[in-house]
PDB file of N, CA and C in Angstrom:
ATOM      1  N   MET A   1      -2.727   3.084   6.223  1.00  0.00           N
ATOM      2  CA  MET A   1      -2.239   2.762   4.921  1.00  0.00           C
ATOM      3  C   MET A   1      -0.753   3.024   4.915  1.00  0.00           C
ATOM      4  N   ALA A   2      -0.043   2.284   4.114  1.00  0.00           N
ATOM      5  CA  ALA A   2       1.399   2.483   3.978  1.00  0.00           C
ATOM      6  C   ALA A   2       1.783   2.290   2.518  1.00  0.00           C
ATOM      7  N   VAL A   3       2.659   3.131   2.054  1.00  0.00           N
ATOM      8  CA  VAL A   3       3.165   3.033   0.688  1.00  0.00           C
ATOM      9  C   VAL A   3       4.679   3.208   0.715  1.00  0.00           C
ATOM     10  N   PRO A   4       5.377   2.543  -0.192  1.00  0.00           N
ATOM     11  CA  PRO A   4       6.829   2.666  -0.188  1.00  0.00           C
ATOM     12  C   PRO A   4       7.311   4.006  -0.728  1.00  0.00           C
ATOM     13  N   ILE A   5       6.527   4.623  -1.610  1.00  0.00           N
ATOM     14  CA  ILE A   5       6.944   5.883  -2.215  1.00  0.00           C
ATOM     15  C   ILE A   5       5.709   6.674  -2.637  1.00  0.00           C
ATOM     16  N   GLY A   6       5.776   7.983  -2.538  1.00  0.00           N
ATOM     17  CA  GLY A   6       4.662   8.814  -2.954  1.00  0.00           C
ATOM     18  C   GLY A   6       5.038  10.285  -2.972  1.00  0.00           C
ATOM     19  N   ALA A   7       4.233  11.059  -3.635  1.00  0.00           N
ATOM     20  CA  ALA A   7       4.431  12.500  -3.641  1.00  0.00           C
ATOM     21  C   ALA A   7       4.095  13.047  -2.251  1.00  0.00           C
ATOM     22  N   ALA A   8       4.896  13.960  -1.764  1.00  0.00           N
ATOM     23  CA  ALA A   8       4.689  14.519  -0.425  1.00  0.00           C
ATOM     24  C   ALA A   8       3.282  15.100  -0.288  1.00  0.00           C
ATOM     25  N   SER A   9       2.811  15.788  -1.317  1.00  0.00           N
ATOM     26  CA  SER A   9       1.481  16.405  -1.241  1.00  0.00           C
ATOM     27  C   SER A   9       0.383  15.343  -1.173  1.00  0.00           C
ATOM     28  N   THR A  10       0.535  14.247  -1.887  1.00  0.00           N
ATOM     29  CA  THR A  10      -0.445  13.168  -1.850  1.00  0.00           C
ATOM     30  C   THR A  10      -0.439  12.483  -0.491  1.00  0.00           C
ATOM     31  N   CYS A  11       0.753  12.243   0.048  1.00  0.00           N
ATOM     32  CA  CYS A  11       0.852  11.615   1.366  1.00  0.00           C
ATOM     33  C   CYS A  11       0.220  12.504   2.432  1.00  0.00           C
ATOM     34  N   ALA A  12       0.410  13.813   2.324  1.00  0.00           N
ATOM     35  CA  ALA A  12      -0.194  14.735   3.286  1.00  0.00           C
ATOM     36  C   ALA A  12      -1.715  14.704   3.173  1.00  0.00           C
ATOM     37  N   GLU A  13      -2.229  14.632   1.967  1.00  0.00           N
ATOM     38  CA  GLU A  13      -3.687  14.569   1.774  1.00  0.00           C
ATOM     39  C   GLU A  13      -4.246  13.258   2.323  1.00  0.00           C
ATOM     40  N   LEU A  14      -3.536  12.159   2.103  1.00  0.00           N
ATOM     41  CA  LEU A  14      -4.001  10.863   2.608  1.00  0.00           C
ATOM     42  C   LEU A  14      -4.017  10.833   4.128  1.00  0.00           C
ATOM     43  N   GLN A  15      -3.155  11.601   4.768  1.00  0.00           N
ATOM     44  CA  GLN A  15      -3.159  11.687   6.240  1.00  0.00           C
ATOM     45  C   GLN A  15      -4.510  12.174   6.747  1.00  0.00           C
ATOM     46  N   THR A  16      -5.183  13.010   5.970  1.00  0.00           N
ATOM     47  CA  THR A  16      -6.478  13.548   6.392  1.00  0.00           C
ATOM     48  C   THR A  16      -7.624  12.567   6.142  1.00  0.00           C
ATOM     49  N   LEU A  17      -7.385  11.552   5.311  1.00  0.00           N
ATOM     50  CA  LEU A  17      -8.441  10.617   4.930  1.00  0.00           C
ATOM     51  C   LEU A  17      -8.361   9.271   5.633  1.00  0.00           C
ATOM     52  N   ALA A  18      -7.169   8.896   6.077  1.00  0.00           N
ATOM     53  CA  ALA A  18      -6.965   7.582   6.685  1.00  0.00           C
ATOM     54  C   ALA A  18      -6.649   7.728   8.167  1.00  0.00           C
ATOM     55  N   ASP A  19      -6.837   6.646   8.919  1.00  0.00           N
ATOM     56  CA  ASP A  19      -6.464   6.663  10.329  1.00  0.00           C
ATOM     57  C   ASP A  19      -4.974   6.923  10.489  1.00  0.00           C
ATOM     58  N   ASP A  20      -4.188   6.366   9.573  1.00  0.00           N
ATOM     59  CA  ASP A  20      -2.747   6.548   9.602  1.00  0.00           C
ATOM     60  C   ASP A  20      -2.227   6.377   8.183  1.00  0.00           C
ATOM     61  N   CYS A  21      -1.206   7.104   7.826  1.00  0.00           N
ATOM     62  CA  CYS A  21      -0.618   6.999   6.496  1.00  0.00           C
ATOM     63  C   CYS A  21       0.895   7.124   6.635  1.00  0.00           C
ATOM     64  N   ILE A  22       1.589   6.129   6.133  1.00  0.00           N
ATOM     65  CA  ILE A  22       3.042   6.139   6.177  1.00  0.00           C
ATOM     66  C   ILE A  22       3.558   6.097   4.747  1.00  0.00           C
ATOM     67  N   CYS A  23       4.314   7.098   4.377  1.00  0.00           N
ATOM     68  CA  CYS A  23       4.986   7.142   3.088  1.00  0.00           C
ATOM     69  C   CYS A  23       6.480   7.028   3.376  1.00  0.00           C
ATOM     70  N   ALA A  24       7.073   5.891   3.028  1.00  0.00           N
ATOM     71  CA  ALA A  24       8.471   5.636   3.383  1.00  0.00           C
ATOM     72  C   ALA A  24       9.427   6.606   2.702  1.00  0.00           C
ATOM     73  N   PHE A  25       9.129   7.022   1.484  1.00  0.00           N
ATOM     74  CA  PHE A  25      10.038   7.880   0.720  1.00  0.00           C
ATOM     75  C   PHE A  25       9.214   8.874  -0.084  1.00  0.00           C
ATOM     76  N   THR A  26       9.494  10.148   0.057  1.00  0.00           N
ATOM     77  CA  THR A  26       8.780  11.199  -0.683  1.00  0.00           C
ATOM     78  C   THR A  26       9.805  12.068  -1.415  1.00  0.00           C
ATOM     79  N   PRO A  27      10.315  11.566  -2.545  1.00  0.00           N
ATOM     80  CA  PRO A  27      11.363  12.295  -3.273  1.00  0.00           C
ATOM     81  C   PRO A  27      10.838  13.571  -3.918  1.00  0.00           C
ATOM     82  N   GLU A  28      11.722  14.535  -4.049  1.00  0.00           N
ATOM     83  CA  GLU A  28      11.410  15.772  -4.769  1.00  0.00           C
ATOM     84  C   GLU A  28      12.437  15.948  -5.876  1.00  0.00           C
ATOM     85  N   PRO A  29      12.050  16.158  -7.086  1.00  0.00           N
ATOM     86  CA  PRO A  29      10.667  16.103  -7.566  1.00  0.00           C
ATOM     87  C   PRO A  29      10.198  14.659  -7.693  1.00  0.00           C
ATOM     88  N   PHE A  30       8.904  14.455  -7.503  1.00  0.00           N
ATOM     89  CA  PHE A  30       8.351  13.108  -7.514  1.00  0.00           C
ATOM     90  C   PHE A  30       8.153  12.583  -8.931  1.00  0.00           C
ATOM     91  N   ARG A  31       7.404  13.239  -9.740  1.00  0.00           N
ATOM     92  CA  ARG A  31       7.064  12.925 -11.127  1.00  0.00           C
ATOM     93  C   ARG A  31       6.182  11.689 -11.318  1.00  0.00           C
ATOM     94  N   ALA A  32       6.681  10.453 -11.046  1.00  0.00           N
ATOM     95  CA  ALA A  32       5.872   9.245 -11.286  1.00  0.00           C
ATOM     96  C   ALA A  32       6.408   8.077 -10.472  1.00  0.00           C
ATOM     97  N   VAL A  33       5.511   7.232  -9.998  1.00  0.00           N
ATOM     98  CA  VAL A  33       5.893   6.069  -9.199  1.00  0.00           C
ATOM     99  C   VAL A  33       6.840   5.158  -9.973  1.00  0.00           C
ATOM    100  N   GLY A  34       6.524   4.891 -11.218  1.00  0.00           N
ATOM    101  CA  GLY A  34       7.291   3.951 -12.018  1.00  0.00           C
ATOM    102  C   GLY A  34       8.750   4.316 -12.196  1.00  0.00           C
ATOM    103  N   LEU A  35       9.083   5.587 -12.061  1.00  0.00           N
ATOM    104  CA  LEU A  35      10.478   6.010 -12.214  1.00  0.00           C
ATOM    105  C   LEU A  35      11.368   5.500 -11.094  1.00  0.00           C
ATOM    106  N   TRP A  36      10.775   5.115  -9.981  1.00  0.00           N
ATOM    107  CA  TRP A  36      11.540   4.720  -8.801  1.00  0.00           C
ATOM    108  C   TRP A  36      11.678   3.213  -8.646  1.00  0.00           C
ATOM    109  N   TYR A  37      11.211   2.450  -9.626  1.00  0.00           N
ATOM    110  CA  TYR A  37      11.279   0.992  -9.580  1.00  0.00           C
ATOM    111  C   TYR A  37      12.054   0.464 -10.777  1.00  0.00           C
ATOM    112  N   GLU A  38      12.845  -0.568 -10.540  1.00  0.00           N
ATOM    113  CA  GLU A  38      13.561  -1.216 -11.636  1.00  0.00           C
ATOM    114  C   GLU A  38      12.566  -1.928 -12.551  1.00  0.00           C
ATOM    115  N   ASP A  39      11.539  -2.554 -11.947  1.00  0.00           N
ATOM    116  CA  ASP A  39      10.511  -3.267 -12.711  1.00  0.00           C
ATOM    117  C   ASP A  39       9.149  -2.817 -12.195  1.00  0.00           C
ATOM    118  N   PHE A  40       8.435  -2.062 -12.985  1.00  0.00           N
ATOM    119  CA  PHE A  40       7.118  -1.562 -12.589  1.00  0.00           C
ATOM    120  C   PHE A  40       6.084  -1.961 -13.641  1.00  0.00           C
ATOM    121  N   THR A  41       6.105  -3.256 -14.002  1.00  0.00           N
ATOM    122  CA  THR A  41       5.154  -3.737 -14.997  1.00  0.00           C
ATOM    123  C   THR A  41       3.748  -3.744 -14.415  1.00  0.00           C
ATOM    124  N   GLN A  42       2.785  -3.631 -15.287  1.00  0.00           N
ATOM    125  CA  GLN A  42       1.386  -3.592 -14.878  1.00  0.00           C
ATOM    126  C   GLN A  42       0.931  -4.960 -14.379  1.00  0.00           C
ATOM    127  N   THR A  43       0.022  -4.957 -13.419  1.00  0.00           N
ATOM    128  CA  THR A  43      -0.604  -6.182 -12.922  1.00  0.00           C
ATOM    129  C   THR A  43      -1.968  -6.303 -13.585  1.00  0.00           C
ATOM    130  N   GLU A  44      -2.214  -7.452 -14.160  1.00  0.00           N
ATOM    131  CA  GLU A  44      -3.484  -7.676 -14.856  1.00  0.00           C
ATOM    132  C   GLU A  44      -4.649  -7.725 -13.862  1.00  0.00           C
ATOM    133  N   ASP A  45      -5.830  -7.307 -14.301  1.00  0.00           N
ATOM    134  CA  ASP A  45      -7.025  -7.301 -13.451  1.00  0.00           C
ATOM    135  C   ASP A  45      -7.326  -8.684 -12.871  1.00  0.00           C
ATOM    136  N   ASP A  46      -7.165  -9.723 -13.684  1.00  0.00           N
ATOM    137  CA  ASP A  46      -7.447 -11.088 -13.209  1.00  0.00           C
ATOM    138  C   ASP A  46      -6.530 -11.467 -12.046  1.00  0.00           C
ATOM    139  N   GLU A  47      -5.256 -11.072 -12.115  1.00  0.00           N
ATOM    140  CA  GLU A  47      -4.327 -11.393 -11.036  1.00  0.00           C
ATOM    141  C   GLU A  47      -4.701 -10.641  -9.759  1.00  0.00           C
ATOM    142  N   VAL A  48      -5.076  -9.378  -9.901  1.00  0.00           N
ATOM    143  CA  VAL A  48      -5.502  -8.589  -8.732  1.00  0.00           C
ATOM    144  C   VAL A  48      -6.733  -9.225  -8.095  1.00  0.00           C
ATOM    145  N   ALA A  49      -7.706  -9.599  -8.903  1.00  0.00           N
ATOM    146  CA  ALA A  49      -8.929 -10.225  -8.384  1.00  0.00           C
ATOM    147  C   ALA A  49      -8.602 -11.524  -7.654  1.00  0.00           C
ATOM    148  N   GLU A  50      -7.698 -12.335  -8.220  1.00  0.00           N
ATOM    149  CA  GLU A  50      -7.322 -13.594  -7.571  1.00  0.00           C
ATOM    150  C   GLU A  50      -6.622 -13.337  -6.237  1.00  0.00           C
ATOM    151  N   LEU A  51      -5.706 -12.385  -6.196  1.00  0.00           N
ATOM    152  CA  LEU A  51      -4.994 -12.076  -4.956  1.00  0.00           C
ATOM    153  C   LEU A  51      -5.943 -11.549  -3.881  1.00  0.00           C
ATOM    154  N   LEU A  52      -6.893 -10.704  -4.280  1.00  0.00           N
ATOM    155  CA  LEU A  52      -7.868 -10.193  -3.313  1.00  0.00           C
ATOM    156  C   LEU A  52      -8.762 -11.308  -2.788  1.00  0.00           C
ATOM    157  N   ALA A  53      -9.147 -12.216  -3.666  1.00  0.00           N
ATOM    158  CA  ALA A  53      -9.982 -13.346  -3.243  1.00  0.00           C
ATOM    159  C   ALA A  53      -9.219 -14.231  -2.262  1.00  0.00           C
ATOM    160  N   ARG A  54      -7.952 -14.505  -2.563  1.00  0.00           N
ATOM    161  CA  ARG A  54      -7.142 -15.327  -1.653  1.00  0.00           C
ATOM    162  C   ARG A  54      -6.942 -14.631  -0.324  1.00  0.00           C
ATOM    163  N   ALA A  55      -6.734 -13.328  -0.352  1.00  0.00           N
ATOM    164  CA  ALA A  55      -6.567 -12.578   0.894  1.00  0.00           C
ATOM    165  C   ALA A  55      -7.849 -12.637   1.712  1.00  0.00           C
ATOM    166  N   GLY A  56      -8.998 -12.545   1.052  1.00  0.00           N
ATOM    167  CA  GLY A  56     -10.277 -12.639   1.750  1.00  0.00           C
ATOM    168  C   GLY A  56     -10.493 -13.997   2.371  1.00  0.00           C
ATOM    169  N   ASP A  57     -10.006 -15.035   1.698  1.00  0.00           N
ATOM    170  CA  ASP A  57     -10.142 -16.396   2.223  1.00  0.00           C
ATOM    171  C   ASP A  57      -9.349 -16.596   3.506  1.00  0.00           C
ATOM    172  N   THR A  58      -8.269 -15.844   3.682  1.00  0.00           N
ATOM    173  CA  THR A  58      -7.409 -16.027   4.847  1.00  0.00           C
ATOM    174  C   THR A  58      -7.556 -14.909   5.874  1.00  0.00           C
ATOM    175  N   ALA A  59      -8.486 -13.996   5.657  1.00  0.00           N
ATOM    176  CA  ALA A  59      -8.616 -12.829   6.525  1.00  0.00           C
ATOM    177  C   ALA A  59      -8.889 -13.190   7.979  1.00  0.00           C
ATOM    178  N   ASN A  60      -9.587 -14.269   8.225  1.00  0.00           N
ATOM    179  CA  ASN A  60      -9.908 -14.657   9.602  1.00  0.00           C
ATOM    180  C   ASN A  60      -9.035 -15.789  10.122  1.00  0.00           C
ATOM    181  N   ASP A  61      -7.964 -16.098   9.403  1.00  0.00           N
ATOM    182  CA  ASP A  61      -7.041 -17.158   9.805  1.00  0.00           C
ATOM    183  C   ASP A  61      -5.822 -16.509  10.475  1.00  0.00           C
ATOM    184  N   PRO A  62      -5.704 -16.639  11.804  1.00  0.00           N
ATOM    185  CA  PRO A  62      -4.606 -15.983  12.518  1.00  0.00           C
ATOM    186  C   PRO A  62      -3.228 -16.406  12.016  1.00  0.00           C
ATOM    187  N   GLU A  63      -3.088 -17.649  11.580  1.00  0.00           N
ATOM    188  CA  GLU A  63      -1.787 -18.110  11.080  1.00  0.00           C
ATOM    189  C   GLU A  63      -1.440 -17.425   9.758  1.00  0.00           C
ATOM    190  N   ALA A  64      -2.425 -17.213   8.913  1.00  0.00           N
ATOM    191  CA  ALA A  64      -2.178 -16.618   7.604  1.00  0.00           C
ATOM    192  C   ALA A  64      -1.880 -15.127   7.702  1.00  0.00           C
ATOM    193  N   THR A  65      -2.380 -14.488   8.730  1.00  0.00           N
ATOM    194  CA  THR A  65      -2.219 -13.037   8.842  1.00  0.00           C
ATOM    195  C   THR A  65      -1.251 -12.635   9.950  1.00  0.00           C
ATOM    196  N   ARG A  66      -0.534 -13.580  10.519  1.00  0.00           N
ATOM    197  CA  ARG A  66       0.405 -13.261  11.595  1.00  0.00           C
ATOM    198  C   ARG A  66       1.375 -12.183  11.139  1.00  0.00           C
ATOM    199  N   GLY A  67       1.500 -11.164  11.948  1.00  0.00           N
ATOM    200  CA  GLY A  67       2.427 -10.079  11.644  1.00  0.00           C
ATOM    201  C   GLY A  67       1.897  -9.035  10.686  1.00  0.00           C
ATOM    202  N   LEU A  68       0.703  -9.236  10.151  1.00  0.00           N
ATOM    203  CA  LEU A  68       0.160  -8.287   9.176  1.00  0.00           C
ATOM    204  C   LEU A  68      -0.789  -7.278   9.809  1.00  0.00           C
ATOM    205  N   ARG A  69      -1.369  -7.625  10.926  1.00  0.00           N
ATOM    206  CA  ARG A  69      -2.341  -6.730  11.536  1.00  0.00           C
ATOM    207  C   ARG A  69      -1.635  -5.684  12.390  1.00  0.00           C
ATOM    208  N   ARG A  70      -2.185  -4.517  12.394  1.00  0.00           N
ATOM    209  CA  ARG A  70      -1.615  -3.419  13.170  1.00  0.00           C
ATOM    210  C   ARG A  70      -2.733  -2.763  13.930  1.00  0.00           C
ATOM    211  N   GLU A  71      -2.504  -2.515  15.183  1.00  0.00           N
ATOM    212  CA  GLU A  71      -3.521  -1.841  15.980  1.00  0.00           C
ATOM    213  C   GLU A  71      -3.701  -0.417  15.454  1.00  0.00           C
ATOM    214  N   PRO A  72      -4.938   0.066  15.392  1.00  0.00           N
ATOM    215  CA  PRO A  72      -5.177   1.433  14.908  1.00  0.00           C
ATOM    216  C   PRO A  72      -4.491   2.452  15.808  1.00  0.00           C
ATOM    217  N   GLY A  73      -4.046   3.531  15.197  1.00  0.00           N
ATOM    218  CA  GLY A  73      -3.408   4.608  15.942  1.00  0.00           C
ATOM    219  C   GLY A  73      -4.413   5.416  16.745  1.00  0.00           C
ATOM    220  N   PRO A  74      -3.907   6.324  17.555  1.00  0.00           N
ATOM    221  CA  PRO A  74      -4.823   7.131  18.381  1.00  0.00           C
ATOM    222  C   PRO A  74      -5.700   8.052  17.557  1.00  0.00           C
TER     223      PRO A  74
END
């Protein structure tokens, strides 16, 4: 898993749950994700469902996923 920003304690906990976890930026104090974005508007459930469905449709298409797959870490 990879996230652009997160609390250091949360990123450390996710390291124990995932094969790999990359947190690009762990500011102190963290407070809230939305504080670190110029535009952090909510995504509607319907849009999330549509994006997940489209991603599922292309999951086995090598052209659609080029550059997105990463070999699991040790």
